[in-house]
Amino acid sequence: QLETNLKNYNEILTKKNKELDDFQQKHKNEFVKTLNKTLEIYSKENSISMILRKEHLLIGKNNLDVTKDILELFNKS
């Protein structure tokens, strides 16, 4: 009886973990799509040919940081 219960529990746990993984992946993909669309719109509206992540930048002027603007636009979408 204990082995049967343990097996059933493990099956339920495996199923729930898969559901959670699927949920996370789906929403991550939706987030990335929305972010990419937001970046594309922002770059077109502001005539920007390149947007870089801060961690990929060696040095730059603070006035070139558009993170706040992008976040505001993203939150509206």
PDB file of N, CA and C in Angstrom:
ATOM      1  N   GLN A   1       0.830  -1.195   0.000  1.00  0.00           N
ATOM      2  CA  GLN A   1       0.000   0.000   0.000  1.00  0.00           C
ATOM      3  C   GLN A   1       0.876   1.261   0.000  1.00  0.00           C
ATOM      4  N   LEU A   2       1.901   1.249   0.824  1.00  0.00           N
ATOM      5  CA  LEU A   2       2.807   2.394   0.917  1.00  0.00           C
ATOM      6  C   LEU A   2       3.530   2.629  -0.411  1.00  0.00           C
ATOM      7  N   GLU A   3       3.963   1.546  -1.033  1.00  0.00           N
ATOM      8  CA  GLU A   3       4.647   1.675  -2.323  1.00  0.00           C
ATOM      9  C   GLU A   3       3.695   2.224  -3.391  1.00  0.00           C
ATOM     10  N   THR A   4       2.469   1.804  -3.377  1.00  0.00           N
ATOM     11  CA  THR A   4       1.475   2.302  -4.330  1.00  0.00           C
ATOM     12  C   THR A   4       1.231   3.787  -4.104  1.00  0.00           C
ATOM     13  N   ASN A   5       1.085   4.175  -2.857  1.00  0.00           N
ATOM     14  CA  ASN A   5       0.885   5.591  -2.533  1.00  0.00           C
ATOM     15  C   ASN A   5       2.081   6.434  -2.948  1.00  0.00           C
ATOM     16  N   LEU A   6       3.269   5.922  -2.712  1.00  0.00           N
ATOM     17  CA  LEU A   6       4.491   6.632  -3.083  1.00  0.00           C
ATOM     18  C   LEU A   6       4.583   6.769  -4.603  1.00  0.00           C
ATOM     19  N   LYS A   7       4.254   5.720  -5.310  1.00  0.00           N
ATOM     20  CA  LYS A   7       4.276   5.760  -6.774  1.00  0.00           C
ATOM     21  C   LYS A   7       3.267   6.786  -7.289  1.00  0.00           C
ATOM     22  N   ASN A   8       2.062   6.780  -6.744  1.00  0.00           N
ATOM     23  CA  ASN A   8       1.039   7.752  -7.143  1.00  0.00           C
ATOM     24  C   ASN A   8       1.479   9.177  -6.839  1.00  0.00           C
ATOM     25  N   TYR A   9       2.061   9.372  -5.684  1.00  0.00           N
ATOM     26  CA  TYR A   9       2.557  10.689  -5.292  1.00  0.00           C
ATOM     27  C   TYR A   9       3.634  11.157  -6.266  1.00  0.00           C
ATOM     28  N   ASN A  10       4.557  10.296  -6.604  1.00  0.00           N
ATOM     29  CA  ASN A  10       5.631  10.647  -7.531  1.00  0.00           C
ATOM     30  C   ASN A  10       5.089  10.970  -8.923  1.00  0.00           C
ATOM     31  N   GLU A  11       4.070  10.265  -9.358  1.00  0.00           N
ATOM     32  CA  GLU A  11       3.452  10.545 -10.656  1.00  0.00           C
ATOM     33  C   GLU A  11       2.782  11.915 -10.648  1.00  0.00           C
ATOM     34  N   ILE A  12       2.083  12.205  -9.558  1.00  0.00           N
ATOM     35  CA  ILE A  12       1.430  13.517  -9.422  1.00  0.00           C
ATOM     36  C   ILE A  12       2.479  14.625  -9.386  1.00  0.00           C
ATOM     37  N   LEU A  13       3.526  14.401  -8.628  1.00  0.00           N
ATOM     38  CA  LEU A  13       4.603  15.383  -8.513  1.00  0.00           C
ATOM     39  C   LEU A  13       5.268  15.634  -9.868  1.00  0.00           C
ATOM     40  N   THR A  14       5.523  14.581 -10.606  1.00  0.00           N
ATOM     41  CA  THR A  14       6.124  14.710 -11.939  1.00  0.00           C
ATOM     42  C   THR A  14       5.202  15.488 -12.866  1.00  0.00           C
ATOM     43  N   LYS A  15       3.915  15.184 -12.819  1.00  0.00           N
ATOM     44  CA  LYS A  15       2.938  15.879 -13.663  1.00  0.00           C
ATOM     45  C   LYS A  15       2.874  17.363 -13.307  1.00  0.00           C
ATOM     46  N   LYS A  16       2.823  17.679 -12.028  1.00  0.00           N
ATOM     47  CA  LYS A  16       2.741  19.077 -11.585  1.00  0.00           C
ATOM     48  C   LYS A  16       4.017  19.841 -11.948  1.00  0.00           C
ATOM     49  N   ASN A  17       5.158  19.196 -11.831  1.00  0.00           N
ATOM     50  CA  ASN A  17       6.421  19.846 -12.213  1.00  0.00           C
ATOM     51  C   ASN A  17       6.450  20.151 -13.701  1.00  0.00           C
ATOM     52  N   LYS A  18       5.934  19.232 -14.505  1.00  0.00           N
ATOM     53  CA  LYS A  18       5.875  19.471 -15.947  1.00  0.00           C
ATOM     54  C   LYS A  18       4.924  20.621 -16.256  1.00  0.00           C
ATOM     55  N   GLU A  19       3.773  20.651 -15.596  1.00  0.00           N
ATOM     56  CA  GLU A  19       2.820  21.746 -15.793  1.00  0.00           C
ATOM     57  C   GLU A  19       3.457  23.086 -15.428  1.00  0.00           C
ATOM     58  N   LEU A  20       4.200  23.115 -14.339  1.00  0.00           N
ATOM     59  CA  LEU A  20       4.880  24.340 -13.917  1.00  0.00           C
ATOM     60  C   LEU A  20       5.931  24.754 -14.938  1.00  0.00           C
ATOM     61  N   ASP A  21       6.722  23.810 -15.409  1.00  0.00           N
ATOM     62  CA  ASP A  21       7.732  24.109 -16.431  1.00  0.00           C
ATOM     63  C   ASP A  21       7.091  24.648 -17.701  1.00  0.00           C
ATOM     64  N   ASP A  22       5.992  24.022 -18.125  1.00  0.00           N
ATOM     65  CA  ASP A  22       5.281  24.480 -19.322  1.00  0.00           C
ATOM     66  C   ASP A  22       4.738  25.892 -19.125  1.00  0.00           C
ATOM     67  N   PHE A  23       4.160  26.148 -17.969  1.00  0.00           N
ATOM     68  CA  PHE A  23       3.621  27.467 -17.640  1.00  0.00           C
ATOM     69  C   PHE A  23       4.722  28.525 -17.684  1.00  0.00           C
ATOM     70  N   GLN A  24       5.849  28.227 -17.047  1.00  0.00           N
ATOM     71  CA  GLN A  24       6.968  29.169 -17.017  1.00  0.00           C
ATOM     72  C   GLN A  24       7.498  29.430 -18.419  1.00  0.00           C
ATOM     73  N   GLN A  25       7.661  28.401 -19.209  1.00  0.00           N
ATOM     74  CA  GLN A  25       8.186  28.554 -20.564  1.00  0.00           C
ATOM     75  C   GLN A  25       7.237  29.376 -21.427  1.00  0.00           C
ATOM     76  N   LYS A  26       5.952  29.107 -21.318  1.00  0.00           N
ATOM     77  CA  LYS A  26       4.961  29.843 -22.098  1.00  0.00           C
ATOM     78  C   LYS A  26       5.012  31.328 -21.775  1.00  0.00           C
ATOM     79  N   HIS A  27       5.041  31.652 -20.502  1.00  0.00           N
ATOM     80  CA  HIS A  27       5.022  33.057 -20.105  1.00  0.00           C
ATOM     81  C   HIS A  27       6.367  33.748 -20.367  1.00  0.00           C
ATOM     82  N   LYS A  28       7.428  33.000 -20.288  1.00  0.00           N
ATOM     83  CA  LYS A  28       8.731  33.560 -20.643  1.00  0.00           C
ATOM     84  C   LYS A  28       8.756  33.918 -22.126  1.00  0.00           C
ATOM     85  N   ASN A  29       8.224  33.034 -22.961  1.00  0.00           N
ATOM     86  CA  ASN A  29       8.162  33.299 -24.401  1.00  0.00           C
ATOM     87  C   ASN A  29       7.295  34.514 -24.705  1.00  0.00           C
ATOM     88  N   GLU A  30       6.154  34.626 -24.014  1.00  0.00           N
ATOM     89  CA  GLU A  30       5.283  35.781 -24.203  1.00  0.00           C
ATOM     90  C   GLU A  30       5.989  37.075 -23.782  1.00  0.00           C
ATOM     91  N   PHE A  31       6.725  37.016 -22.681  1.00  0.00           N
ATOM     92  CA  PHE A  31       7.471  38.174 -22.198  1.00  0.00           C
ATOM     93  C   PHE A  31       8.507  38.607 -23.227  1.00  0.00           C
ATOM     94  N   VAL A  32       9.254  37.652 -23.746  1.00  0.00           N
ATOM     95  CA  VAL A  32      10.302  37.955 -24.731  1.00  0.00           C
ATOM     96  C   VAL A  32       9.695  38.543 -26.002  1.00  0.00           C
ATOM     97  N   LYS A  33       8.572  37.992 -26.459  1.00  0.00           N
ATOM     98  CA  LYS A  33       7.911  38.531 -27.656  1.00  0.00           C
ATOM     99  C   LYS A  33       7.482  39.975 -27.431  1.00  0.00           C
ATOM    100  N   THR A  34       6.868  40.227 -26.279  1.00  0.00           N
ATOM    101  CA  THR A  34       6.407  41.582 -25.970  1.00  0.00           C
ATOM    102  C   THR A  34       7.583  42.540 -25.838  1.00  0.00           C
ATOM    103  N   LEU A  35       8.640  42.097 -25.183  1.00  0.00           N
ATOM    104  CA  LEU A  35       9.823  42.943 -25.023  1.00  0.00           C
ATOM    105  C   LEU A  35      10.455  43.255 -26.378  1.00  0.00           C
ATOM    106  N   ASN A  36      10.598  42.267 -27.226  1.00  0.00           N
ATOM    107  CA  ASN A  36      11.188  42.490 -28.548  1.00  0.00           C
ATOM    108  C   ASN A  36      10.344  43.450 -29.380  1.00  0.00           C
ATOM    109  N   LYS A  37       9.030  43.296 -29.311  1.00  0.00           N
ATOM    110  CA  LYS A  37       8.142  44.188 -30.036  1.00  0.00           C
ATOM    111  C   LYS A  37       8.275  45.619 -29.501  1.00  0.00           C
ATOM    112  N   THR A  38       8.351  45.744 -28.174  1.00  0.00           N
ATOM    113  CA  THR A  38       8.516  47.051 -27.539  1.00  0.00           C
ATOM    114  C   THR A  38       9.830  47.698 -27.963  1.00  0.00           C
ATOM    115  N   LEU A  39      10.902  46.930 -27.983  1.00  0.00           N
ATOM    116  CA  LEU A  39      12.207  47.449 -28.397  1.00  0.00           C
ATOM    117  C   LEU A  39      12.187  47.879 -29.866  1.00  0.00           C
ATOM    118  N   GLU A  40      11.512  47.102 -30.674  1.00  0.00           N
ATOM    119  CA  GLU A  40      11.414  47.439 -32.102  1.00  0.00           C
ATOM    120  C   GLU A  40      10.650  48.750 -32.294  1.00  0.00           C
ATOM    121  N   ILE A  41       9.528  48.891 -31.619  1.00  0.00           N
ATOM    122  CA  ILE A  41       8.736  50.124 -31.711  1.00  0.00           C
ATOM    123  C   ILE A  41       9.545  51.312 -31.217  1.00  0.00           C
ATOM    124  N   TYR A  42      10.194  51.159 -30.072  1.00  0.00           N
ATOM    125  CA  TYR A  42      10.970  52.266 -29.499  1.00  0.00           C
ATOM    126  C   TYR A  42      12.094  52.681 -30.439  1.00  0.00           C
ATOM    127  N   SER A  43      12.793  51.694 -30.985  1.00  0.00           N
ATOM    128  CA  SER A  43      13.922  52.016 -31.859  1.00  0.00           C
ATOM    129  C   SER A  43      13.469  52.719 -33.133  1.00  0.00           C
ATOM    130  N   LYS A  44      12.328  52.325 -33.679  1.00  0.00           N
ATOM    131  CA  LYS A  44      11.807  52.988 -34.879  1.00  0.00           C
ATOM    132  C   LYS A  44      11.364  54.413 -34.572  1.00  0.00           C
ATOM    133  N   GLU A  45      10.625  54.583 -33.476  1.00  0.00           N
ATOM    134  CA  GLU A  45      10.107  55.906 -33.118  1.00  0.00           C
ATOM    135  C   GLU A  45      11.212  56.896 -32.769  1.00  0.00           C
ATOM    136  N   ASN A  46      12.344  56.392 -32.283  1.00  0.00           N
ATOM    137  CA  ASN A  46      13.427  57.263 -31.844  1.00  0.00           C
ATOM    138  C   ASN A  46      14.661  57.191 -32.734  1.00  0.00           C
ATOM    139  N   SER A  47      14.510  56.601 -33.906  1.00  0.00           N
ATOM    140  CA  SER A  47      15.604  56.481 -34.879  1.00  0.00           C
ATOM    141  C   SER A  47      16.873  55.908 -34.247  1.00  0.00           C
ATOM    142  N   ILE A  48      16.698  54.813 -33.534  1.00  0.00           N
ATOM    143  CA  ILE A  48      17.830  54.139 -32.889  1.00  0.00           C
ATOM    144  C   ILE A  48      18.150  52.896 -33.702  1.00  0.00           C
ATOM    145  N   SER A  49      19.401  52.760 -34.075  1.00  0.00           N
ATOM    146  CA  SER A  49      19.777  51.615 -34.903  1.00  0.00           C
ATOM    147  C   SER A  49      20.280  50.431 -34.078  1.00  0.00           C
ATOM    148  N   MET A  50      20.593  50.673 -32.789  1.00  0.00           N
ATOM    149  CA  MET A  50      21.119  49.588 -31.973  1.00  0.00           C
ATOM    150  C   MET A  50      20.777  49.825 -30.504  1.00  0.00           C
ATOM    151  N   ILE A  51      20.313  48.776 -29.844  1.00  0.00           N
ATOM    152  CA  ILE A  51      20.062  48.814 -28.404  1.00  0.00           C
ATOM    153  C   ILE A  51      20.883  47.690 -27.790  1.00  0.00           C
ATOM    154  N   LEU A  52      21.707  48.039 -26.805  1.00  0.00           N
ATOM    155  CA  LEU A  52      22.588  47.067 -26.156  1.00  0.00           C
ATOM    156  C   LEU A  52      22.195  46.872 -24.700  1.00  0.00           C
ATOM    157  N   ARG A  53      22.507  45.706 -24.170  1.00  0.00           N
ATOM    158  CA  ARG A  53      22.363  45.472 -22.735  1.00  0.00           C
ATOM    159  C   ARG A  53      23.519  46.160 -22.017  1.00  0.00           C
ATOM    160  N   LYS A  54      23.244  46.653 -20.826  1.00  0.00           N
ATOM    161  CA  LYS A  54      24.284  47.339 -20.060  1.00  0.00           C
ATOM    162  C   LYS A  54      25.493  46.444 -19.804  1.00  0.00           C
ATOM    163  N   GLU A  55      25.254  45.171 -19.531  1.00  0.00           N
ATOM    164  CA  GLU A  55      26.372  44.277 -19.215  1.00  0.00           C
ATOM    165  C   GLU A  55      27.266  44.001 -20.422  1.00  0.00           C
ATOM    166  N   HIS A  56      26.815  44.366 -21.635  1.00  0.00           N
ATOM    167  CA  HIS A  56      27.626  44.175 -22.835  1.00  0.00           C
ATOM    168  C   HIS A  56      28.338  45.464 -23.250  1.00  0.00           C
ATOM    169  N   LEU A  57      28.221  46.457 -22.428  1.00  0.00           N
ATOM    170  CA  LEU A  57      28.771  47.767 -22.747  1.00  0.00           C
ATOM    171  C   LEU A  57      29.978  48.046 -21.854  1.00  0.00           C
ATOM    172  N   LEU A  58      31.069  48.480 -22.447  1.00  0.00           N
ATOM    173  CA  LEU A  58      32.253  48.807 -21.659  1.00  0.00           C
ATOM    174  C   LEU A  58      32.137  50.185 -21.029  1.00  0.00           C
ATOM    175  N   ILE A  59      31.722  51.155 -21.804  1.00  0.00           N
ATOM    176  CA  ILE A  59      31.604  52.520 -21.315  1.00  0.00           C
ATOM    177  C   ILE A  59      30.566  53.246 -22.157  1.00  0.00           C
ATOM    178  N   GLY A  60      29.881  54.177 -21.544  1.00  0.00           N
ATOM    179  CA  GLY A  60      28.872  54.935 -22.266  1.00  0.00           C
ATOM    180  C   GLY A  60      28.363  56.083 -21.429  1.00  0.00           C
ATOM    181  N   LYS A  61      27.770  57.041 -22.083  1.00  0.00           N
ATOM    182  CA  LYS A  61      27.222  58.196 -21.378  1.00  0.00           C
ATOM    183  C   LYS A  61      25.891  57.812 -20.744  1.00  0.00           C
ATOM    184  N   ASN A  62      25.642  58.361 -19.561  1.00  0.00           N
ATOM    185  CA  ASN A  62      24.398  58.063 -18.848  1.00  0.00           C
ATOM    186  C   ASN A  62      23.172  58.529 -19.616  1.00  0.00           C
ATOM    187  N   ASN A  63      23.289  59.596 -20.374  1.00  0.00           N
ATOM    188  CA  ASN A  63      22.127  60.100 -21.103  1.00  0.00           C
ATOM    189  C   ASN A  63      21.726  59.180 -22.257  1.00  0.00           C
ATOM    190  N   LEU A  64      22.537  58.175 -22.573  1.00  0.00           N
ATOM    191  CA  LEU A  64      22.205  57.210 -23.615  1.00  0.00           C
ATOM    192  C   LEU A  64      21.400  56.026 -23.067  1.00  0.00           C
ATOM    193  N   ASP A  65      21.262  55.963 -21.749  1.00  0.00           N
ATOM    194  CA  ASP A  65      20.529  54.871 -21.111  1.00  0.00           C
ATOM    195  C   ASP A  65      19.026  55.097 -21.304  1.00  0.00           C
ATOM    196  N   VAL A  66      18.380  54.197 -22.043  1.00  0.00           N
ATOM    197  CA  VAL A  66      16.953  54.335 -22.344  1.00  0.00           C
ATOM    198  C   VAL A  66      16.111  53.312 -21.579  1.00  0.00           C
ATOM    199  N   THR A  67      16.685  52.710 -20.563  1.00  0.00           N
ATOM    200  CA  THR A  67      15.993  51.662 -19.809  1.00  0.00           C
ATOM    201  C   THR A  67      14.651  52.138 -19.271  1.00  0.00           C
ATOM    202  N   LYS A  68      14.624  53.314 -18.663  1.00  0.00           N
ATOM    203  CA  LYS A  68      13.393  53.829 -18.071  1.00  0.00           C
ATOM    204  C   LYS A  68      12.317  54.014 -19.144  1.00  0.00           C
ATOM    205  N   ASP A  69      12.698  54.573 -20.276  1.00  0.00           N
ATOM    206  CA  ASP A  69      11.749  54.784 -21.368  1.00  0.00           C
ATOM    207  C   ASP A  69      11.187  53.452 -21.886  1.00  0.00           C
ATOM    208  N   ILE A  70      12.061  52.471 -22.021  1.00  0.00           N
ATOM    209  CA  ILE A  70      11.651  51.154 -22.520  1.00  0.00           C
ATOM    210  C   ILE A  70      10.687  50.497 -21.514  1.00  0.00           C
ATOM    211  N   LEU A  71      11.010  50.584 -20.225  1.00  0.00           N
ATOM    212  CA  LEU A  71      10.140  49.999 -19.213  1.00  0.00           C
ATOM    213  C   LEU A  71       8.755  50.641 -19.218  1.00  0.00           C
ATOM    214  N   GLU A  72       8.712  51.940 -19.359  1.00  0.00           N
ATOM    215  CA  GLU A  72       7.422  52.630 -19.404  1.00  0.00           C
ATOM    216  C   GLU A  72       6.604  52.172 -20.606  1.00  0.00           C
ATOM    217  N   LEU A  73       7.254  52.071 -21.751  1.00  0.00           N
ATOM    218  CA  LEU A  73       6.580  51.606 -22.964  1.00  0.00           C
ATOM    219  C   LEU A  73       6.143  50.162 -22.822  1.00  0.00           C
ATOM    220  N   PHE A  74       6.991  49.337 -22.237  1.00  0.00           N
ATOM    221  CA  PHE A  74       6.683  47.920 -22.041  1.00  0.00           C
ATOM    222  C   PHE A  74       5.475  47.765 -21.118  1.00  0.00           C
ATOM    223  N   ASN A  75       5.434  48.525 -20.041  1.00  0.00           N
ATOM    224  CA  ASN A  75       4.330  48.428 -19.093  1.00  0.00           C
ATOM    225  C   ASN A  75       2.999  48.861 -19.688  1.00  0.00           C
ATOM    226  N   LYS A  76       3.035  49.705 -20.704  1.00  0.00           N
ATOM    227  CA  LYS A  76       1.813  50.135 -21.381  1.00  0.00           C
ATOM    228  C   LYS A  76       1.273  49.061 -22.309  1.00  0.00           C
ATOM    229  N   SER A  77       2.149  48.152 -22.755  1.00  0.00           N
ATOM    230  CA  SER A  77       1.703  47.125 -23.712  1.00  0.00           C
ATOM    231  C   SER A  77       1.187  45.879 -23.027  1.00  0.00           C
TER     232      SER A  77
END
